[in-house]
C-alpha atoms as a PDB file:
ATOM      1  CA  MET A   1      41.292   6.726 -21.182  1.00  0.00           C
ATOM      2  CA  ALA A   2      38.355   4.634 -19.971  1.00  0.00           C
ATOM      3  CA  GLU A   3      37.186   3.764 -16.464  1.00  0.00           C
ATOM      4  CA  GLY A   4      36.590   0.079 -15.805  1.00  0.00           C
ATOM      5  CA  ILE A   5      35.670  -1.969 -12.739  1.00  0.00           C
ATOM      6  CA  CYS A   6      36.562  -5.378 -11.404  1.00  0.00           C
ATOM      7  CA  VAL A   7      36.295  -7.148  -8.079  1.00  0.00           C
ATOM      8  CA  ILE A   8      39.387  -5.450  -6.607  1.00  0.00           C
ATOM      9  CA  GLY A   9      38.720  -1.855  -7.638  1.00  0.00           C
ATOM     10  CA  ILE A  10      38.171   0.901 -10.214  1.00  0.00           C
ATOM     11  CA  PHE A  11      40.891   1.525 -12.823  1.00  0.00           C
ATOM     12  CA  ASP A  12      41.523   4.010 -15.608  1.00  0.00           C
ATOM     13  CA  VAL A  13      42.755   2.018 -18.605  1.00  0.00           C
ATOM     14  CA  GLU A  14      44.415   3.359 -21.737  1.00  0.00           C
ATOM     15  CA  LYS A  15      45.731   1.091 -24.515  1.00  0.00           C
ATOM     16  CA  GLY A  16      46.013  -1.898 -22.217  1.00  0.00           C
ATOM     17  CA  LYS A  17      47.816   0.034 -19.477  1.00  0.00           C
ATOM     18  CA  ILE A  18      46.506   1.113 -16.069  1.00  0.00           C
ATOM     19  CA  LYS A  19      46.938   4.861 -15.557  1.00  0.00           C
ATOM     20  CA  LYS A  20      45.014   5.360 -12.344  1.00  0.00           C
ATOM     21  CA  LYS A  21      43.565   3.084  -9.663  1.00  0.00           C
ATOM     22  CA  LYS A  22      41.223   3.022  -6.685  1.00  0.00           C
ATOM     23  CA  LEU A  23      41.429  -0.273  -4.814  1.00  0.00           C
ATOM     24  CA  PHE A  24      38.441  -1.486  -2.814  1.00  0.00           C
ATOM     25  CA  PRO A  25      38.868  -2.370   0.892  1.00  0.00           C
ATOM     26  CA  LYS A  26      39.572  -6.101   1.145  1.00  0.00           C
ATOM     27  CA  ASP A  27      36.090  -6.821   2.561  1.00  0.00           C
ATOM     28  CA  ALA A  28      33.603  -8.946   0.601  1.00  0.00           C
ATOM     29  CA  GLU A  29      30.541  -7.072   1.915  1.00  0.00           C
ATOM     30  CA  LYS A  30      31.968  -3.655   1.027  1.00  0.00           C
ATOM     31  CA  ILE A  31      33.156  -4.821  -2.411  1.00  0.00           C
ATOM     32  CA  ALA A  32      29.715  -6.277  -3.203  1.00  0.00           C
ATOM     33  CA  LYS A  33      28.116  -2.963  -2.202  1.00  0.00           C
ATOM     34  CA  GLU A  34      30.559  -0.974  -4.375  1.00  0.00           C
ATOM     35  CA  LEU A  35      29.980  -3.188  -7.425  1.00  0.00           C
ATOM     36  CA  THR A  36      26.200  -2.968  -6.980  1.00  0.00           C
ATOM     37  CA  ASN A  37      26.186   0.837  -6.649  1.00  0.00           C
ATOM     38  CA  ILE A  38      28.433   1.577  -9.643  1.00  0.00           C
ATOM     39  CA  GLU A  39      26.218   2.150 -12.673  1.00  0.00           C
ATOM     40  CA  LYS A  40      28.484   3.779 -15.289  1.00  0.00           C
ATOM     41  CA  TYR A  41      31.650   2.083 -16.471  1.00  0.00           C
ATOM     42  CA  ASP A  42      33.403   1.246 -19.707  1.00  0.00           C
ATOM     43  CA  LYS A  43      32.600  -2.280 -20.870  1.00  0.00           C
ATOM     44  CA  LYS A  44      35.838  -2.865 -22.811  1.00  0.00           C
ATOM     45  CA  ALA A  45      37.996  -1.572 -19.976  1.00  0.00           C
ATOM     46  CA  SER A  46      36.149  -3.814 -17.507  1.00  0.00           C
ATOM     47  CA  GLU A  47      36.602  -6.823 -19.800  1.00  0.00           C
ATOM     48  CA  TYR A  48      40.347  -6.145 -19.922  1.00  0.00           C
ATOM     49  CA  LEU A  49      40.517  -5.892 -16.114  1.00  0.00           C
ATOM     50  CA  ASN A  50      38.556  -9.082 -15.510  1.00  0.00           C
ATOM     51  CA  LYS A  51      40.635 -10.967 -18.073  1.00  0.00           C
ATOM     52  CA  ASN A  52      43.861  -9.915 -16.349  1.00  0.00           C
ATOM     53  CA  ILE A  53      42.592  -9.706 -12.781  1.00  0.00           C
ATOM     54  CA  ARG A  54      45.034 -12.278 -11.348  1.00  0.00           C
ATOM     55  CA  LYS A  55      48.074 -10.436 -12.648  1.00  0.00           C
ATOM     56  CA  ILE A  56      46.665  -7.019 -11.633  1.00  0.00           C
ATOM     57  CA  ALA A  57      45.799  -8.217  -8.115  1.00  0.00           C
ATOM     58  CA  LYS A  58      49.327  -9.553  -7.602  1.00  0.00           C
ATOM     59  CA  ASP A  59      51.042  -6.541  -9.188  1.00  0.00           C
ATOM     60  CA  PHE A  60      49.294  -4.184  -6.757  1.00  0.00           C
ATOM     61  CA  LYS A  61      49.843  -6.673  -3.885  1.00  0.00           C
ATOM     62  CA  TYR A  62      46.091  -6.846  -3.270  1.00  0.00           C
ATOM     63  CA  VAL A  63      46.301 -10.611  -2.615  1.00  0.00           C
ATOM     64  CA  LYS A  64      49.129 -13.005  -1.819  1.00  0.00           C
ATOM     65  CA  ASN A  65      48.113 -15.760  -4.241  1.00  0.00           C
ATOM     66  CA  ASP A  66      45.402 -17.142  -6.540  1.00  0.00           C
ATOM     67  CA  ALA A  67      43.735 -19.068  -3.716  1.00  0.00           C
ATOM     68  CA  GLU A  68      43.124 -15.870  -1.742  1.00  0.00           C
ATOM     69  CA  LEU A  69      41.743 -14.115  -4.829  1.00  0.00           C
ATOM     70  CA  ASN A  70      39.468 -17.068  -5.667  1.00  0.00           C
ATOM     71  CA  SER A  71      38.114 -17.076  -2.125  1.00  0.00           C
ATOM     72  CA  LEU A  72      37.442 -13.317  -2.245  1.00  0.00           C
ATOM     73  CA  ILE A  73      35.709 -13.500  -5.656  1.00  0.00           C
ATOM     74  CA  SER A  74      33.546 -16.394  -4.458  1.00  0.00           C
ATOM     75  CA  LYS A  75      32.470 -14.502  -1.318  1.00  0.00           C
ATOM     76  CA  VAL A  76      31.715 -11.287  -3.236  1.00  0.00           C
ATOM     77  CA  TYR A  77      29.537 -12.916  -5.872  1.00  0.00           C
ATOM     78  CA  THR A  78      27.759 -15.078  -3.283  1.00  0.00           C
ATOM     79  CA  ILE A  79      26.809 -11.918  -1.380  1.00  0.00           C
ATOM     80  CA  MET A  80      25.716 -10.163  -4.588  1.00  0.00           C
ATOM     81  CA  THR A  81      23.549 -13.144  -5.598  1.00  0.00           C
ATOM     82  CA  LYS A  82      21.920 -13.268  -2.149  1.00  0.00           C
ATOM     83  CA  ASN A  83      21.267  -9.518  -2.298  1.00  0.00           C
ATOM     84  CA  LYS A  84      19.681  -9.837  -5.744  1.00  0.00           C
ATOM     85  CA  ILE A  85      17.425 -12.676  -4.580  1.00  0.00           C
ATOM     86  CA  SER A  86      16.491 -10.740  -1.437  1.00  0.00           C
ATOM     87  CA  LYS A  87      15.671  -7.653  -3.509  1.00  0.00           C
ATOM     88  CA  THR A  88      13.578  -9.743  -5.902  1.00  0.00           C
ATOM     89  CA  GLN A  89      11.685 -11.308  -3.008  1.00  0.00           C
ATOM     90  CA  ARG A  90      10.812  -7.873  -1.661  1.00  0.00           C
ATOM     91  CA  ARG A  91       9.665  -6.757  -5.089  1.00  0.00           C
ATOM     92  CA  ASP A  92       7.628  -9.899  -5.686  1.00  0.00           C
ATOM     93  CA  ARG A  93       5.730  -9.287  -2.448  1.00  0.00           C
ATOM     94  CA  LEU A  94       4.891  -5.786  -3.659  1.00  0.00           C
ATOM     95  CA  ILE A  95       3.568  -7.292  -6.885  1.00  0.00           C
ATOM     96  CA  SER A  96       1.473  -9.826  -4.938  1.00  0.00           C
ATOM     97  CA  GLN A  97      -0.134  -7.113  -2.822  1.00  0.00           C
ATOM     98  CA  SER A  98      -0.690  -4.843  -5.824  1.00  0.00           C
ATOM     99  CA  VAL A  99      -2.397  -7.469  -7.971  1.00  0.00           C
ATOM    100  CA  SER A 100      -4.506  -8.571  -4.989  1.00  0.00           C
ATOM    101  CA  ALA A 101      -5.625  -4.970  -4.573  1.00  0.00           C
ATOM    102  CA  TYR A 102      -6.334  -4.861  -8.321  1.00  0.00           C
ATOM    103  CA  SER A 103      -8.500  -8.007  -8.043  1.00  0.00           C
ATOM    104  CA  ASP A 104     -10.303  -6.591  -4.996  1.00  0.00           C
ATOM    105  CA  LEU A 105     -11.087  -3.432  -6.950  1.00  0.00           C
ATOM    106  CA  ASP A 106     -12.403  -5.536  -9.839  1.00  0.00           C
ATOM    107  CA  LYS A 107     -14.955  -7.179  -7.544  1.00  0.00           C
ATOM    108  CA  ILE A 108     -15.930  -3.916  -5.843  1.00  0.00           C
ATOM    109  CA  ILE A 109     -16.249  -2.034  -9.148  1.00  0.00           C
ATOM    110  CA  ASN A 110     -18.388  -4.764 -10.732  1.00  0.00           C
ATOM    111  CA  SER A 111     -20.670  -4.883  -7.689  1.00  0.00           C
ATOM    112  CA  MET A 112     -21.016  -1.097  -7.479  1.00  0.00           C
ATOM    113  CA  SER A 113     -21.530  -0.809 -11.235  1.00  0.00           C
ATOM    114  CA  GLU A 114     -24.410  -3.274 -11.139  1.00  0.00           C
ATOM    115  CA  ARG A 115     -25.876  -1.331  -8.234  1.00  0.00           C
ATOM    116  CA  ILE A 116     -25.770   2.056  -9.987  1.00  0.00           C
ATOM    117  CA  ARG A 117     -27.251   0.577 -13.176  1.00  0.00           C
ATOM    118  CA  GLU A 118     -30.233  -0.626 -11.145  1.00  0.00           C
ATOM    119  CA  TRP A 119     -30.402   2.587  -9.125  1.00  0.00           C
ATOM    120  CA  TYR A 120     -30.090   5.104 -11.979  1.00  0.00           C
ATOM    121  CA  GLY A 121     -32.126   2.700 -14.120  1.00  0.00           C
ATOM    122  CA  LEU A 122     -35.167   3.398 -11.940  1.00  0.00           C
ATOM    123  CA  TYR A 123     -34.850   7.001 -13.046  1.00  0.00           C
ATOM    124  CA  TYR A 124     -33.760   6.495 -16.660  1.00  0.00           C
ATOM    125  CA  PRO A 125     -34.315   2.851 -17.752  1.00  0.00           C
ATOM    126  CA  GLU A 126     -33.909   3.763 -21.435  1.00  0.00           C
ATOM    127  CA  LEU A 127     -30.177   4.428 -20.993  1.00  0.00           C
ATOM    128  CA  LYS A 128     -28.534   1.367 -22.543  1.00  0.00           C
ATOM    129  CA  VAL A 129     -24.739   1.515 -22.655  1.00  0.00           C
ATOM    130  CA  SER A 130     -22.213  -1.306 -22.807  1.00  0.00           C
ATOM    131  CA  GLY A 131     -19.280  -0.871 -20.456  1.00  0.00           C
ATOM    132  CA  HIS A 132     -19.638   0.136 -16.832  1.00  0.00           C
ATOM    133  CA  GLU A 133     -17.190   3.022 -16.941  1.00  0.00           C
ATOM    134  CA  LYS A 134     -18.846   4.559 -19.987  1.00  0.00           C
ATOM    135  CA  TYR A 135     -22.204   4.335 -18.186  1.00  0.00           C
ATOM    136  CA  ILE A 136     -20.708   6.182 -15.186  1.00  0.00           C
ATOM    137  CA  ASP A 137     -19.124   8.817 -17.436  1.00  0.00           C
ATOM    138  CA  LEU A 138     -22.496   9.577 -19.047  1.00  0.00           C
ATOM    139  CA  ILE A 139     -24.194   9.938 -15.673  1.00  0.00           C
ATOM    140  CA  LEU A 140     -21.512  12.330 -14.464  1.00  0.00           C
ATOM    141  CA  GLN A 141     -21.576  14.291 -17.729  1.00  0.00           C
ATOM    142  CA  TYR A 142     -25.345  14.825 -17.975  1.00  0.00           C
ATOM    143  CA  LYS A 143     -26.608  14.029 -14.438  1.00  0.00           C
ATOM    144  CA  SER A 144     -30.282  14.762 -15.225  1.00  0.00           C
ATOM    145  CA  ARG A 145     -31.958  12.487 -17.836  1.00  0.00           C
ATOM    146  CA  GLU A 146     -33.489  15.539 -19.523  1.00  0.00           C
ATOM    147  CA  LYS A 147     -30.002  16.726 -20.493  1.00  0.00           C
ATOM    148  CA  PHE A 148     -29.141  13.563 -22.431  1.00  0.00           C
ATOM    149  CA  ARG A 149     -28.987  13.872 -26.200  1.00  0.00           C
ATOM    150  CA  ASN A 150     -32.015  12.511 -28.037  1.00  0.00           C
ATOM    151  CA  TYR A 151     -34.025  12.450 -24.798  1.00  0.00           C
ATOM    152  CA  THR A 152     -37.780  12.726 -25.391  1.00  0.00           C
ATOM    153  CA  GLN A 153     -39.497  10.984 -22.513  1.00  0.00           C
ATOM    154  CA  SER A 154     -38.909   8.228 -19.992  1.00  0.00           C
ATOM    155  CA  MET A 155     -40.823   5.473 -18.242  1.00  0.00           C
ATOM    156  CA  GLY A 156     -38.661   5.973 -15.168  1.00  0.00           C
ATOM    157  CA  ILE A 157     -39.704   7.386 -11.840  1.00  0.00           C
ATOM    158  CA  ASN A 158     -39.251  11.069 -11.039  1.00  0.00           C
ATOM    159  CA  LEU A 159     -36.504  12.037  -8.595  1.00  0.00           C
ATOM    160  CA  THR A 160     -36.035  15.045  -6.363  1.00  0.00           C
ATOM    161  CA  LYS A 161     -32.763  16.974  -6.447  1.00  0.00           C
ATOM    162  CA  LYS A 162     -31.807  15.286  -3.168  1.00  0.00           C
ATOM    163  CA  ASP A 163     -32.480  11.823  -4.670  1.00  0.00           C
ATOM    164  CA  LEU A 164     -30.379  12.553  -7.764  1.00  0.00           C
ATOM    165  CA  ASP A 165     -27.522  14.142  -5.772  1.00  0.00           C
ATOM    166  CA  VAL A 166     -26.985  10.925  -3.808  1.00  0.00           C
ATOM    167  CA  ILE A 167     -26.738   8.886  -7.024  1.00  0.00           C
ATOM    168  CA  ILE A 168     -24.302  11.383  -8.556  1.00  0.00           C
ATOM    169  CA  GLU A 169     -22.126  11.272  -5.433  1.00  0.00           C
ATOM    170  CA  TYR A 170     -22.095   7.461  -5.625  1.00  0.00           C
ATOM    171  CA  ALA A 171     -21.121   7.674  -9.312  1.00  0.00           C
ATOM    172  CA  LYS A 172     -18.223  10.024  -8.470  1.00  0.00           C
ATOM    173  CA  GLU A 173     -16.837   7.587  -5.907  1.00  0.00           C
ATOM    174  CA  LEU A 174     -17.169   4.737  -8.393  1.00  0.00           C
ATOM    175  CA  LYS A 175     -15.345   6.753 -11.049  1.00  0.00           C
ATOM    176  CA  HIS A 176     -12.567   7.346  -8.530  1.00  0.00           C
ATOM    177  CA  LEU A 177     -12.230   3.562  -8.064  1.00  0.00           C
ATOM    178  CA  PHE A 178     -11.942   3.123 -11.837  1.00  0.00           C
ATOM    179  CA  ASP A 179      -9.082   5.649 -11.800  1.00  0.00           C
ATOM    180  CA  ILE A 180      -7.300   3.877  -8.932  1.00  0.00           C
ATOM    181  CA  ARG A 181      -7.581   0.560 -10.760  1.00  0.00           C
ATOM    182  CA  LYS A 182      -6.032   2.110 -13.872  1.00  0.00           C
ATOM    183  CA  ARG A 183      -3.120   3.465 -11.837  1.00  0.00           C
ATOM    184  CA  ILE A 184      -2.502   0.057 -10.237  1.00  0.00           C
ATOM    185  CA  GLN A 185      -2.709  -1.612 -13.659  1.00  0.00           C
ATOM    186  CA  LYS A 186      -0.154   0.840 -15.071  1.00  0.00           C
ATOM    187  CA  TYR A 187       2.097   0.222 -12.072  1.00  0.00           C
ATOM    188  CA  LEU A 188       1.896  -3.554 -12.572  1.00  0.00           C
ATOM    189  CA  GLU A 189       2.584  -3.213 -16.295  1.00  0.00           C
ATOM    190  CA  GLU A 190       5.801  -1.386 -15.375  1.00  0.00           C
ATOM    191  CA  ILE A 191       7.046  -3.376 -12.377  1.00  0.00           C
ATOM    192  CA  VAL A 192       6.169  -6.965 -13.393  1.00  0.00           C
ATOM    193  CA  PRO A 193       8.394  -6.980 -16.527  1.00  0.00           C
ATOM    194  CA  GLU A 194      11.246  -5.667 -14.339  1.00  0.00           C
ATOM    195  CA  VAL A 195      10.969  -8.500 -11.803  1.00  0.00           C
ATOM    196  CA  MET A 196       9.600 -11.243 -14.082  1.00  0.00           C
ATOM    197  CA  PRO A 197      10.577 -10.343 -17.677  1.00  0.00           C
ATOM    198  CA  ASN A 198      10.225 -13.867 -19.061  1.00  0.00           C
ATOM    199  CA  THR A 199       6.982 -14.782 -17.283  1.00  0.00           C
ATOM    200  CA  SER A 200       5.507 -11.389 -18.130  1.00  0.00           C
ATOM    201  CA  ALA A 201       6.373 -11.781 -21.824  1.00  0.00           C
ATOM    202  CA  LEU A 202       4.721 -15.202 -21.939  1.00  0.00           C
ATOM    203  CA  LEU A 203       1.562 -14.442 -19.935  1.00  0.00           C
ATOM    204  CA  GLY A 204       1.240 -10.668 -19.866  1.00  0.00           C
ATOM    205  CA  PRO A 205       1.950  -8.589 -16.715  1.00  0.00           C
ATOM    206  CA  ILE A 206      -1.442  -8.965 -15.005  1.00  0.00           C
ATOM    207  CA  LEU A 207      -1.759 -12.755 -15.418  1.00  0.00           C
ATOM    208  CA  ALA A 208       1.901 -13.198 -14.422  1.00  0.00           C
ATOM    209  CA  ALA A 209       1.254 -11.131 -11.285  1.00  0.00           C
ATOM    210  CA  ARG A 210      -1.867 -13.164 -10.432  1.00  0.00           C
ATOM    211  CA  LEU A 211       0.094 -16.394 -10.734  1.00  0.00           C
ATOM    212  CA  LEU A 212       2.787 -14.958  -8.464  1.00  0.00           C
ATOM    213  CA  ALA A 213       0.231 -13.809  -5.874  1.00  0.00           C
ATOM    214  CA  HIS A 214      -1.386 -17.249  -5.833  1.00  0.00           C
ATOM    215  CA  ALA A 215       1.977 -18.975  -5.291  1.00  0.00           C
ATOM    216  CA  GLY A 216       3.055 -16.457  -2.636  1.00  0.00           C
ATOM    217  CA  THR A 217       6.608 -15.729  -3.781  1.00  0.00           C
ATOM    218  CA  LEU A 218       8.684 -15.981  -6.947  1.00  0.00           C
ATOM    219  CA  GLU A 219      10.830 -18.616  -5.222  1.00  0.00           C
ATOM    220  CA  LYS A 220       7.826 -20.875  -4.617  1.00  0.00           C
ATOM    221  CA  LEU A 221       6.658 -20.343  -8.188  1.00  0.00           C
ATOM    222  CA  ALA A 222      10.113 -21.227  -9.560  1.00  0.00           C
ATOM    223  CA  LYS A 223      10.218 -24.491  -7.609  1.00  0.00           C
ATOM    224  CA  MET A 224       6.895 -25.741  -8.981  1.00  0.00           C
ATOM    225  CA  PRO A 225       6.846 -28.417 -11.720  1.00  0.00           C
ATOM    226  CA  SER A 226       4.977 -27.592 -14.930  1.00  0.00           C
ATOM    227  CA  SER A 227       2.057 -29.830 -13.944  1.00  0.00           C
ATOM    228  CA  LYS A 228       1.463 -27.763 -10.800  1.00  0.00           C
ATOM    229  CA  LEU A 229       1.853 -24.479 -12.673  1.00  0.00           C
ATOM    230  CA  GLN A 230      -0.755 -25.696 -15.152  1.00  0.00           C
ATOM    231  CA  LEU A 231      -3.265 -26.355 -12.366  1.00  0.00           C
ATOM    232  CA  LEU A 232      -2.359 -23.433 -10.113  1.00  0.00           C
ATOM    233  CA  GLY A 233      -5.580 -21.689  -9.160  1.00  0.00           C
ATOM    234  CA  SER A 234      -7.835 -24.717  -9.750  1.00  0.00           C
ATOM    235  CA  GLU A 235      -7.552 -26.062  -6.194  1.00  0.00           C
ATOM    236  CA  LYS A 236     -11.283 -25.764  -5.469  1.00  0.00           C
ATOM    237  CA  SER A 237     -12.237 -27.670  -8.623  1.00  0.00           C
ATOM    238  CA  LEU A 238      -9.602 -30.318  -7.884  1.00  0.00           C
ATOM    239  CA  PHE A 239     -10.920 -30.713  -4.346  1.00  0.00           C
ATOM    240  CA  LYS A 240     -14.486 -31.111  -5.634  1.00  0.00           C
ATOM    241  CA  PHE A 241     -13.295 -33.759  -8.108  1.00  0.00           C
ATOM    242  CA  MET A 242     -11.505 -35.679  -5.346  1.00  0.00           C
ATOM    243  CA  LYS A 243     -14.643 -35.504  -3.197  1.00  0.00           C
ATOM    244  CA  GLY A 244     -16.750 -36.816  -6.068  1.00  0.00           C
ATOM    245  CA  LYS A 245     -18.713 -33.581  -6.388  1.00  0.00           C
ATOM    246  CA  GLN A 246     -17.293 -32.875  -9.846  1.00  0.00           C
ATOM    247  CA  LYS A 247     -17.091 -35.406 -12.687  1.00  0.00           C
ATOM    248  CA  LYS A 248     -14.161 -33.989 -14.656  1.00  0.00           C
ATOM    249  CA  VAL A 249     -10.655 -33.328 -13.357  1.00  0.00           C
ATOM    250  CA  PRO A 250      -9.571 -29.727 -14.061  1.00  0.00           C
ATOM    251  CA  LYS A 251      -7.046 -29.339 -16.891  1.00  0.00           C
ATOM    252  CA  TYR A 252      -5.854 -25.833 -16.039  1.00  0.00           C
ATOM    253  CA  GLY A 253      -6.083 -23.126 -13.435  1.00  0.00           C
ATOM    254  CA  LEU A 254      -5.344 -19.408 -13.750  1.00  0.00           C
ATOM    255  CA  ILE A 255      -3.653 -19.836 -17.136  1.00  0.00           C
ATOM    256  CA  ALA A 256      -7.097 -20.652 -18.578  1.00  0.00           C
ATOM    257  CA  ILE A 257      -7.634 -16.920 -19.190  1.00  0.00           C
ATOM    258  CA  HIS A 258      -4.575 -16.757 -21.443  1.00  0.00           C
ATOM    259  CA  PRO A 259      -5.938 -15.856 -24.922  1.00  0.00           C
ATOM    260  CA  ASP A 260      -4.285 -18.871 -26.576  1.00  0.00           C
ATOM    261  CA  ILE A 261      -6.266 -21.174 -24.277  1.00  0.00           C
ATOM    262  CA  SER A 262      -9.501 -19.202 -23.875  1.00  0.00           C
ATOM    263  CA  THR A 263      -9.960 -18.772 -27.643  1.00  0.00           C
ATOM    264  CA  ALA A 264      -8.856 -22.283 -28.637  1.00  0.00           C
ATOM    265  CA  LYS A 265     -11.146 -25.138 -29.670  1.00  0.00           C
ATOM    266  CA  LYS A 266     -12.247 -27.332 -26.780  1.00  0.00           C
ATOM    267  CA  GLU A 267     -10.232 -30.368 -27.907  1.00  0.00           C
ATOM    268  CA  LYS A 268      -7.025 -28.301 -28.128  1.00  0.00           C
ATOM    269  CA  LYS A 269      -7.244 -26.409 -24.814  1.00  0.00           C
ATOM    270  CA  GLY A 270      -5.562 -29.150 -22.767  1.00  0.00           C
ATOM    271  CA  LYS A 271      -2.606 -29.520 -25.152  1.00  0.00           C
ATOM    272  CA  ILE A 272      -2.061 -25.759 -25.292  1.00  0.00           C
ATOM    273  CA  ALA A 273      -2.245 -25.558 -21.494  1.00  0.00           C
ATOM    274  CA  ARG A 274       0.456 -28.238 -21.164  1.00  0.00           C
ATOM    275  CA  LEU A 275       2.673 -26.464 -23.691  1.00  0.00           C
ATOM    276  CA  LEU A 276       2.200 -23.087 -22.006  1.00  0.00           C
ATOM    277  CA  ALA A 277       2.932 -24.580 -18.567  1.00  0.00           C
ATOM    278  CA  ALA A 278       6.129 -26.215 -19.860  1.00  0.00           C
ATOM    279  CA  LYS A 279       7.430 -22.925 -21.246  1.00  0.00           C
ATOM    280  CA  LEU A 280       6.204 -21.123 -18.155  1.00  0.00           C
ATOM    281  CA  THR A 281       8.425 -23.362 -16.014  1.00  0.00           C
ATOM    282  CA  LEU A 282      11.482 -22.223 -17.995  1.00  0.00           C
ATOM    283  CA  ALA A 283      10.393 -18.579 -17.829  1.00  0.00           C
ATOM    284  CA  VAL A 284       9.800 -18.504 -14.059  1.00  0.00           C
ATOM    285  CA  ARG A 285      13.060 -20.302 -13.267  1.00  0.00           C
ATOM    286  CA  ALA A 286      15.021 -17.914 -15.472  1.00  0.00           C
ATOM    287  CA  ASP A 287      13.359 -14.976 -13.681  1.00  0.00           C
ATOM    288  CA  TYR A 288      14.266 -16.325 -10.242  1.00  0.00           C
ATOM    289  CA  TYR A 289      17.606 -18.081 -10.679  1.00  0.00           C
ATOM    290  CA  SER A 290      19.557 -16.610 -13.601  1.00  0.00           C
ATOM    291  CA  LYS A 291      17.813 -13.197 -13.810  1.00  0.00           C
ATOM    292  CA  LYS A 292      18.427 -13.319 -17.565  1.00  0.00           C
ATOM    293  CA  ASP A 293      15.870 -12.111 -20.074  1.00  0.00           C
ATOM    294  CA  ILE A 294      15.443 -15.032 -22.474  1.00  0.00           C
ATOM    295  CA  SER A 295      11.857 -14.110 -23.335  1.00  0.00           C
ATOM    296  CA  LYS A 296      12.465 -13.849 -27.096  1.00  0.00           C
ATOM    297  CA  LYS A 297      13.804 -17.389 -27.219  1.00  0.00           C
ATOM    298  CA  ILE A 298      10.988 -18.777 -25.033  1.00  0.00           C
ATOM    299  CA  LEU A 299       8.285 -16.977 -27.037  1.00  0.00           C
ATOM    300  CA  LYS A 300       9.747 -18.140 -30.343  1.00  0.00           C
ATOM    301  CA  GLU A 301       9.847 -21.783 -29.210  1.00  0.00           C
ATOM    302  CA  TYR A 302       6.347 -21.516 -27.749  1.00  0.00           C
ATOM    303  CA  LYS A 303       4.836 -20.059 -30.932  1.00  0.00           C
ATOM    304  CA  GLU A 304       6.533 -22.679 -33.099  1.00  0.00           C
ATOM    305  CA  LYS A 305       5.157 -25.510 -30.958  1.00  0.00           C
ATOM    306  CA  LEU A 306       1.751 -23.833 -30.837  1.00  0.00           C
ATOM    307  CA  LYS A 307       1.488 -23.972 -34.622  1.00  0.00           C
ATOM    308  CA  GLU A 308       1.972 -27.746 -34.486  1.00  0.00           C
ATOM    309  CA  ILE A 309      -1.038 -28.269 -32.198  1.00  0.00           C
END
């Protein structure tokens, strides 16, 4: 015996026969809520119920005729669709705020990292390390320049314990910001594919989130033509061009940082941007309207077209 669900209730089905039933109240709002909350059910049993729903509904005198059942089904699925869109809109706003916070941290971290390199550099100018976080880690690990491996002497100024303590405290706070940024990045890498599986697969979670934040909502993003998606984020450059302050019209906006565009030859960048924007239009609309994950198909078509450029 297997438990299946349909729009009129929950049924235990065995060999094509209903053994037990629990009918939903004949209220579209309550039915939509029940169907949304039920997570575990037998797929085959549910298929049987949905295939024979008209007969079952009449047999149990749930509805008087097909017209009443059609009306109920229409209302239920309309409510469920609206609820899904509403839920997505709430989630997309969370993504927008999160990626904006991520971008803010980027700016703050870069500014503070430059500051500590200059500051600690007065004390130990010989310390040459690529990567801001690695530089901070070394400062926090050794603190005093004399404790660094291979240290012999330095052209830097001498610091008192009080001077060095302030720098170390600043480094600790900066390290904390690096950790927060990592946590936000991990969060975005988890939530963006849930809300925007197709867009995320095509652009990567962070770039997809930045595009969403720039548009405002997933709905606005889904309603944009490919030409606007291609230029999204280049508004300042476009304005300068229209004012005559810039000679060339921009060919792309935020999608310029996509590796396929950023690493391409100059003469191919525009064509790749147009191709990416065209596939991006399909991806965003699928994320907003159908909620179906068709990322494999979109990626396959994109890569095939990319080879032809």
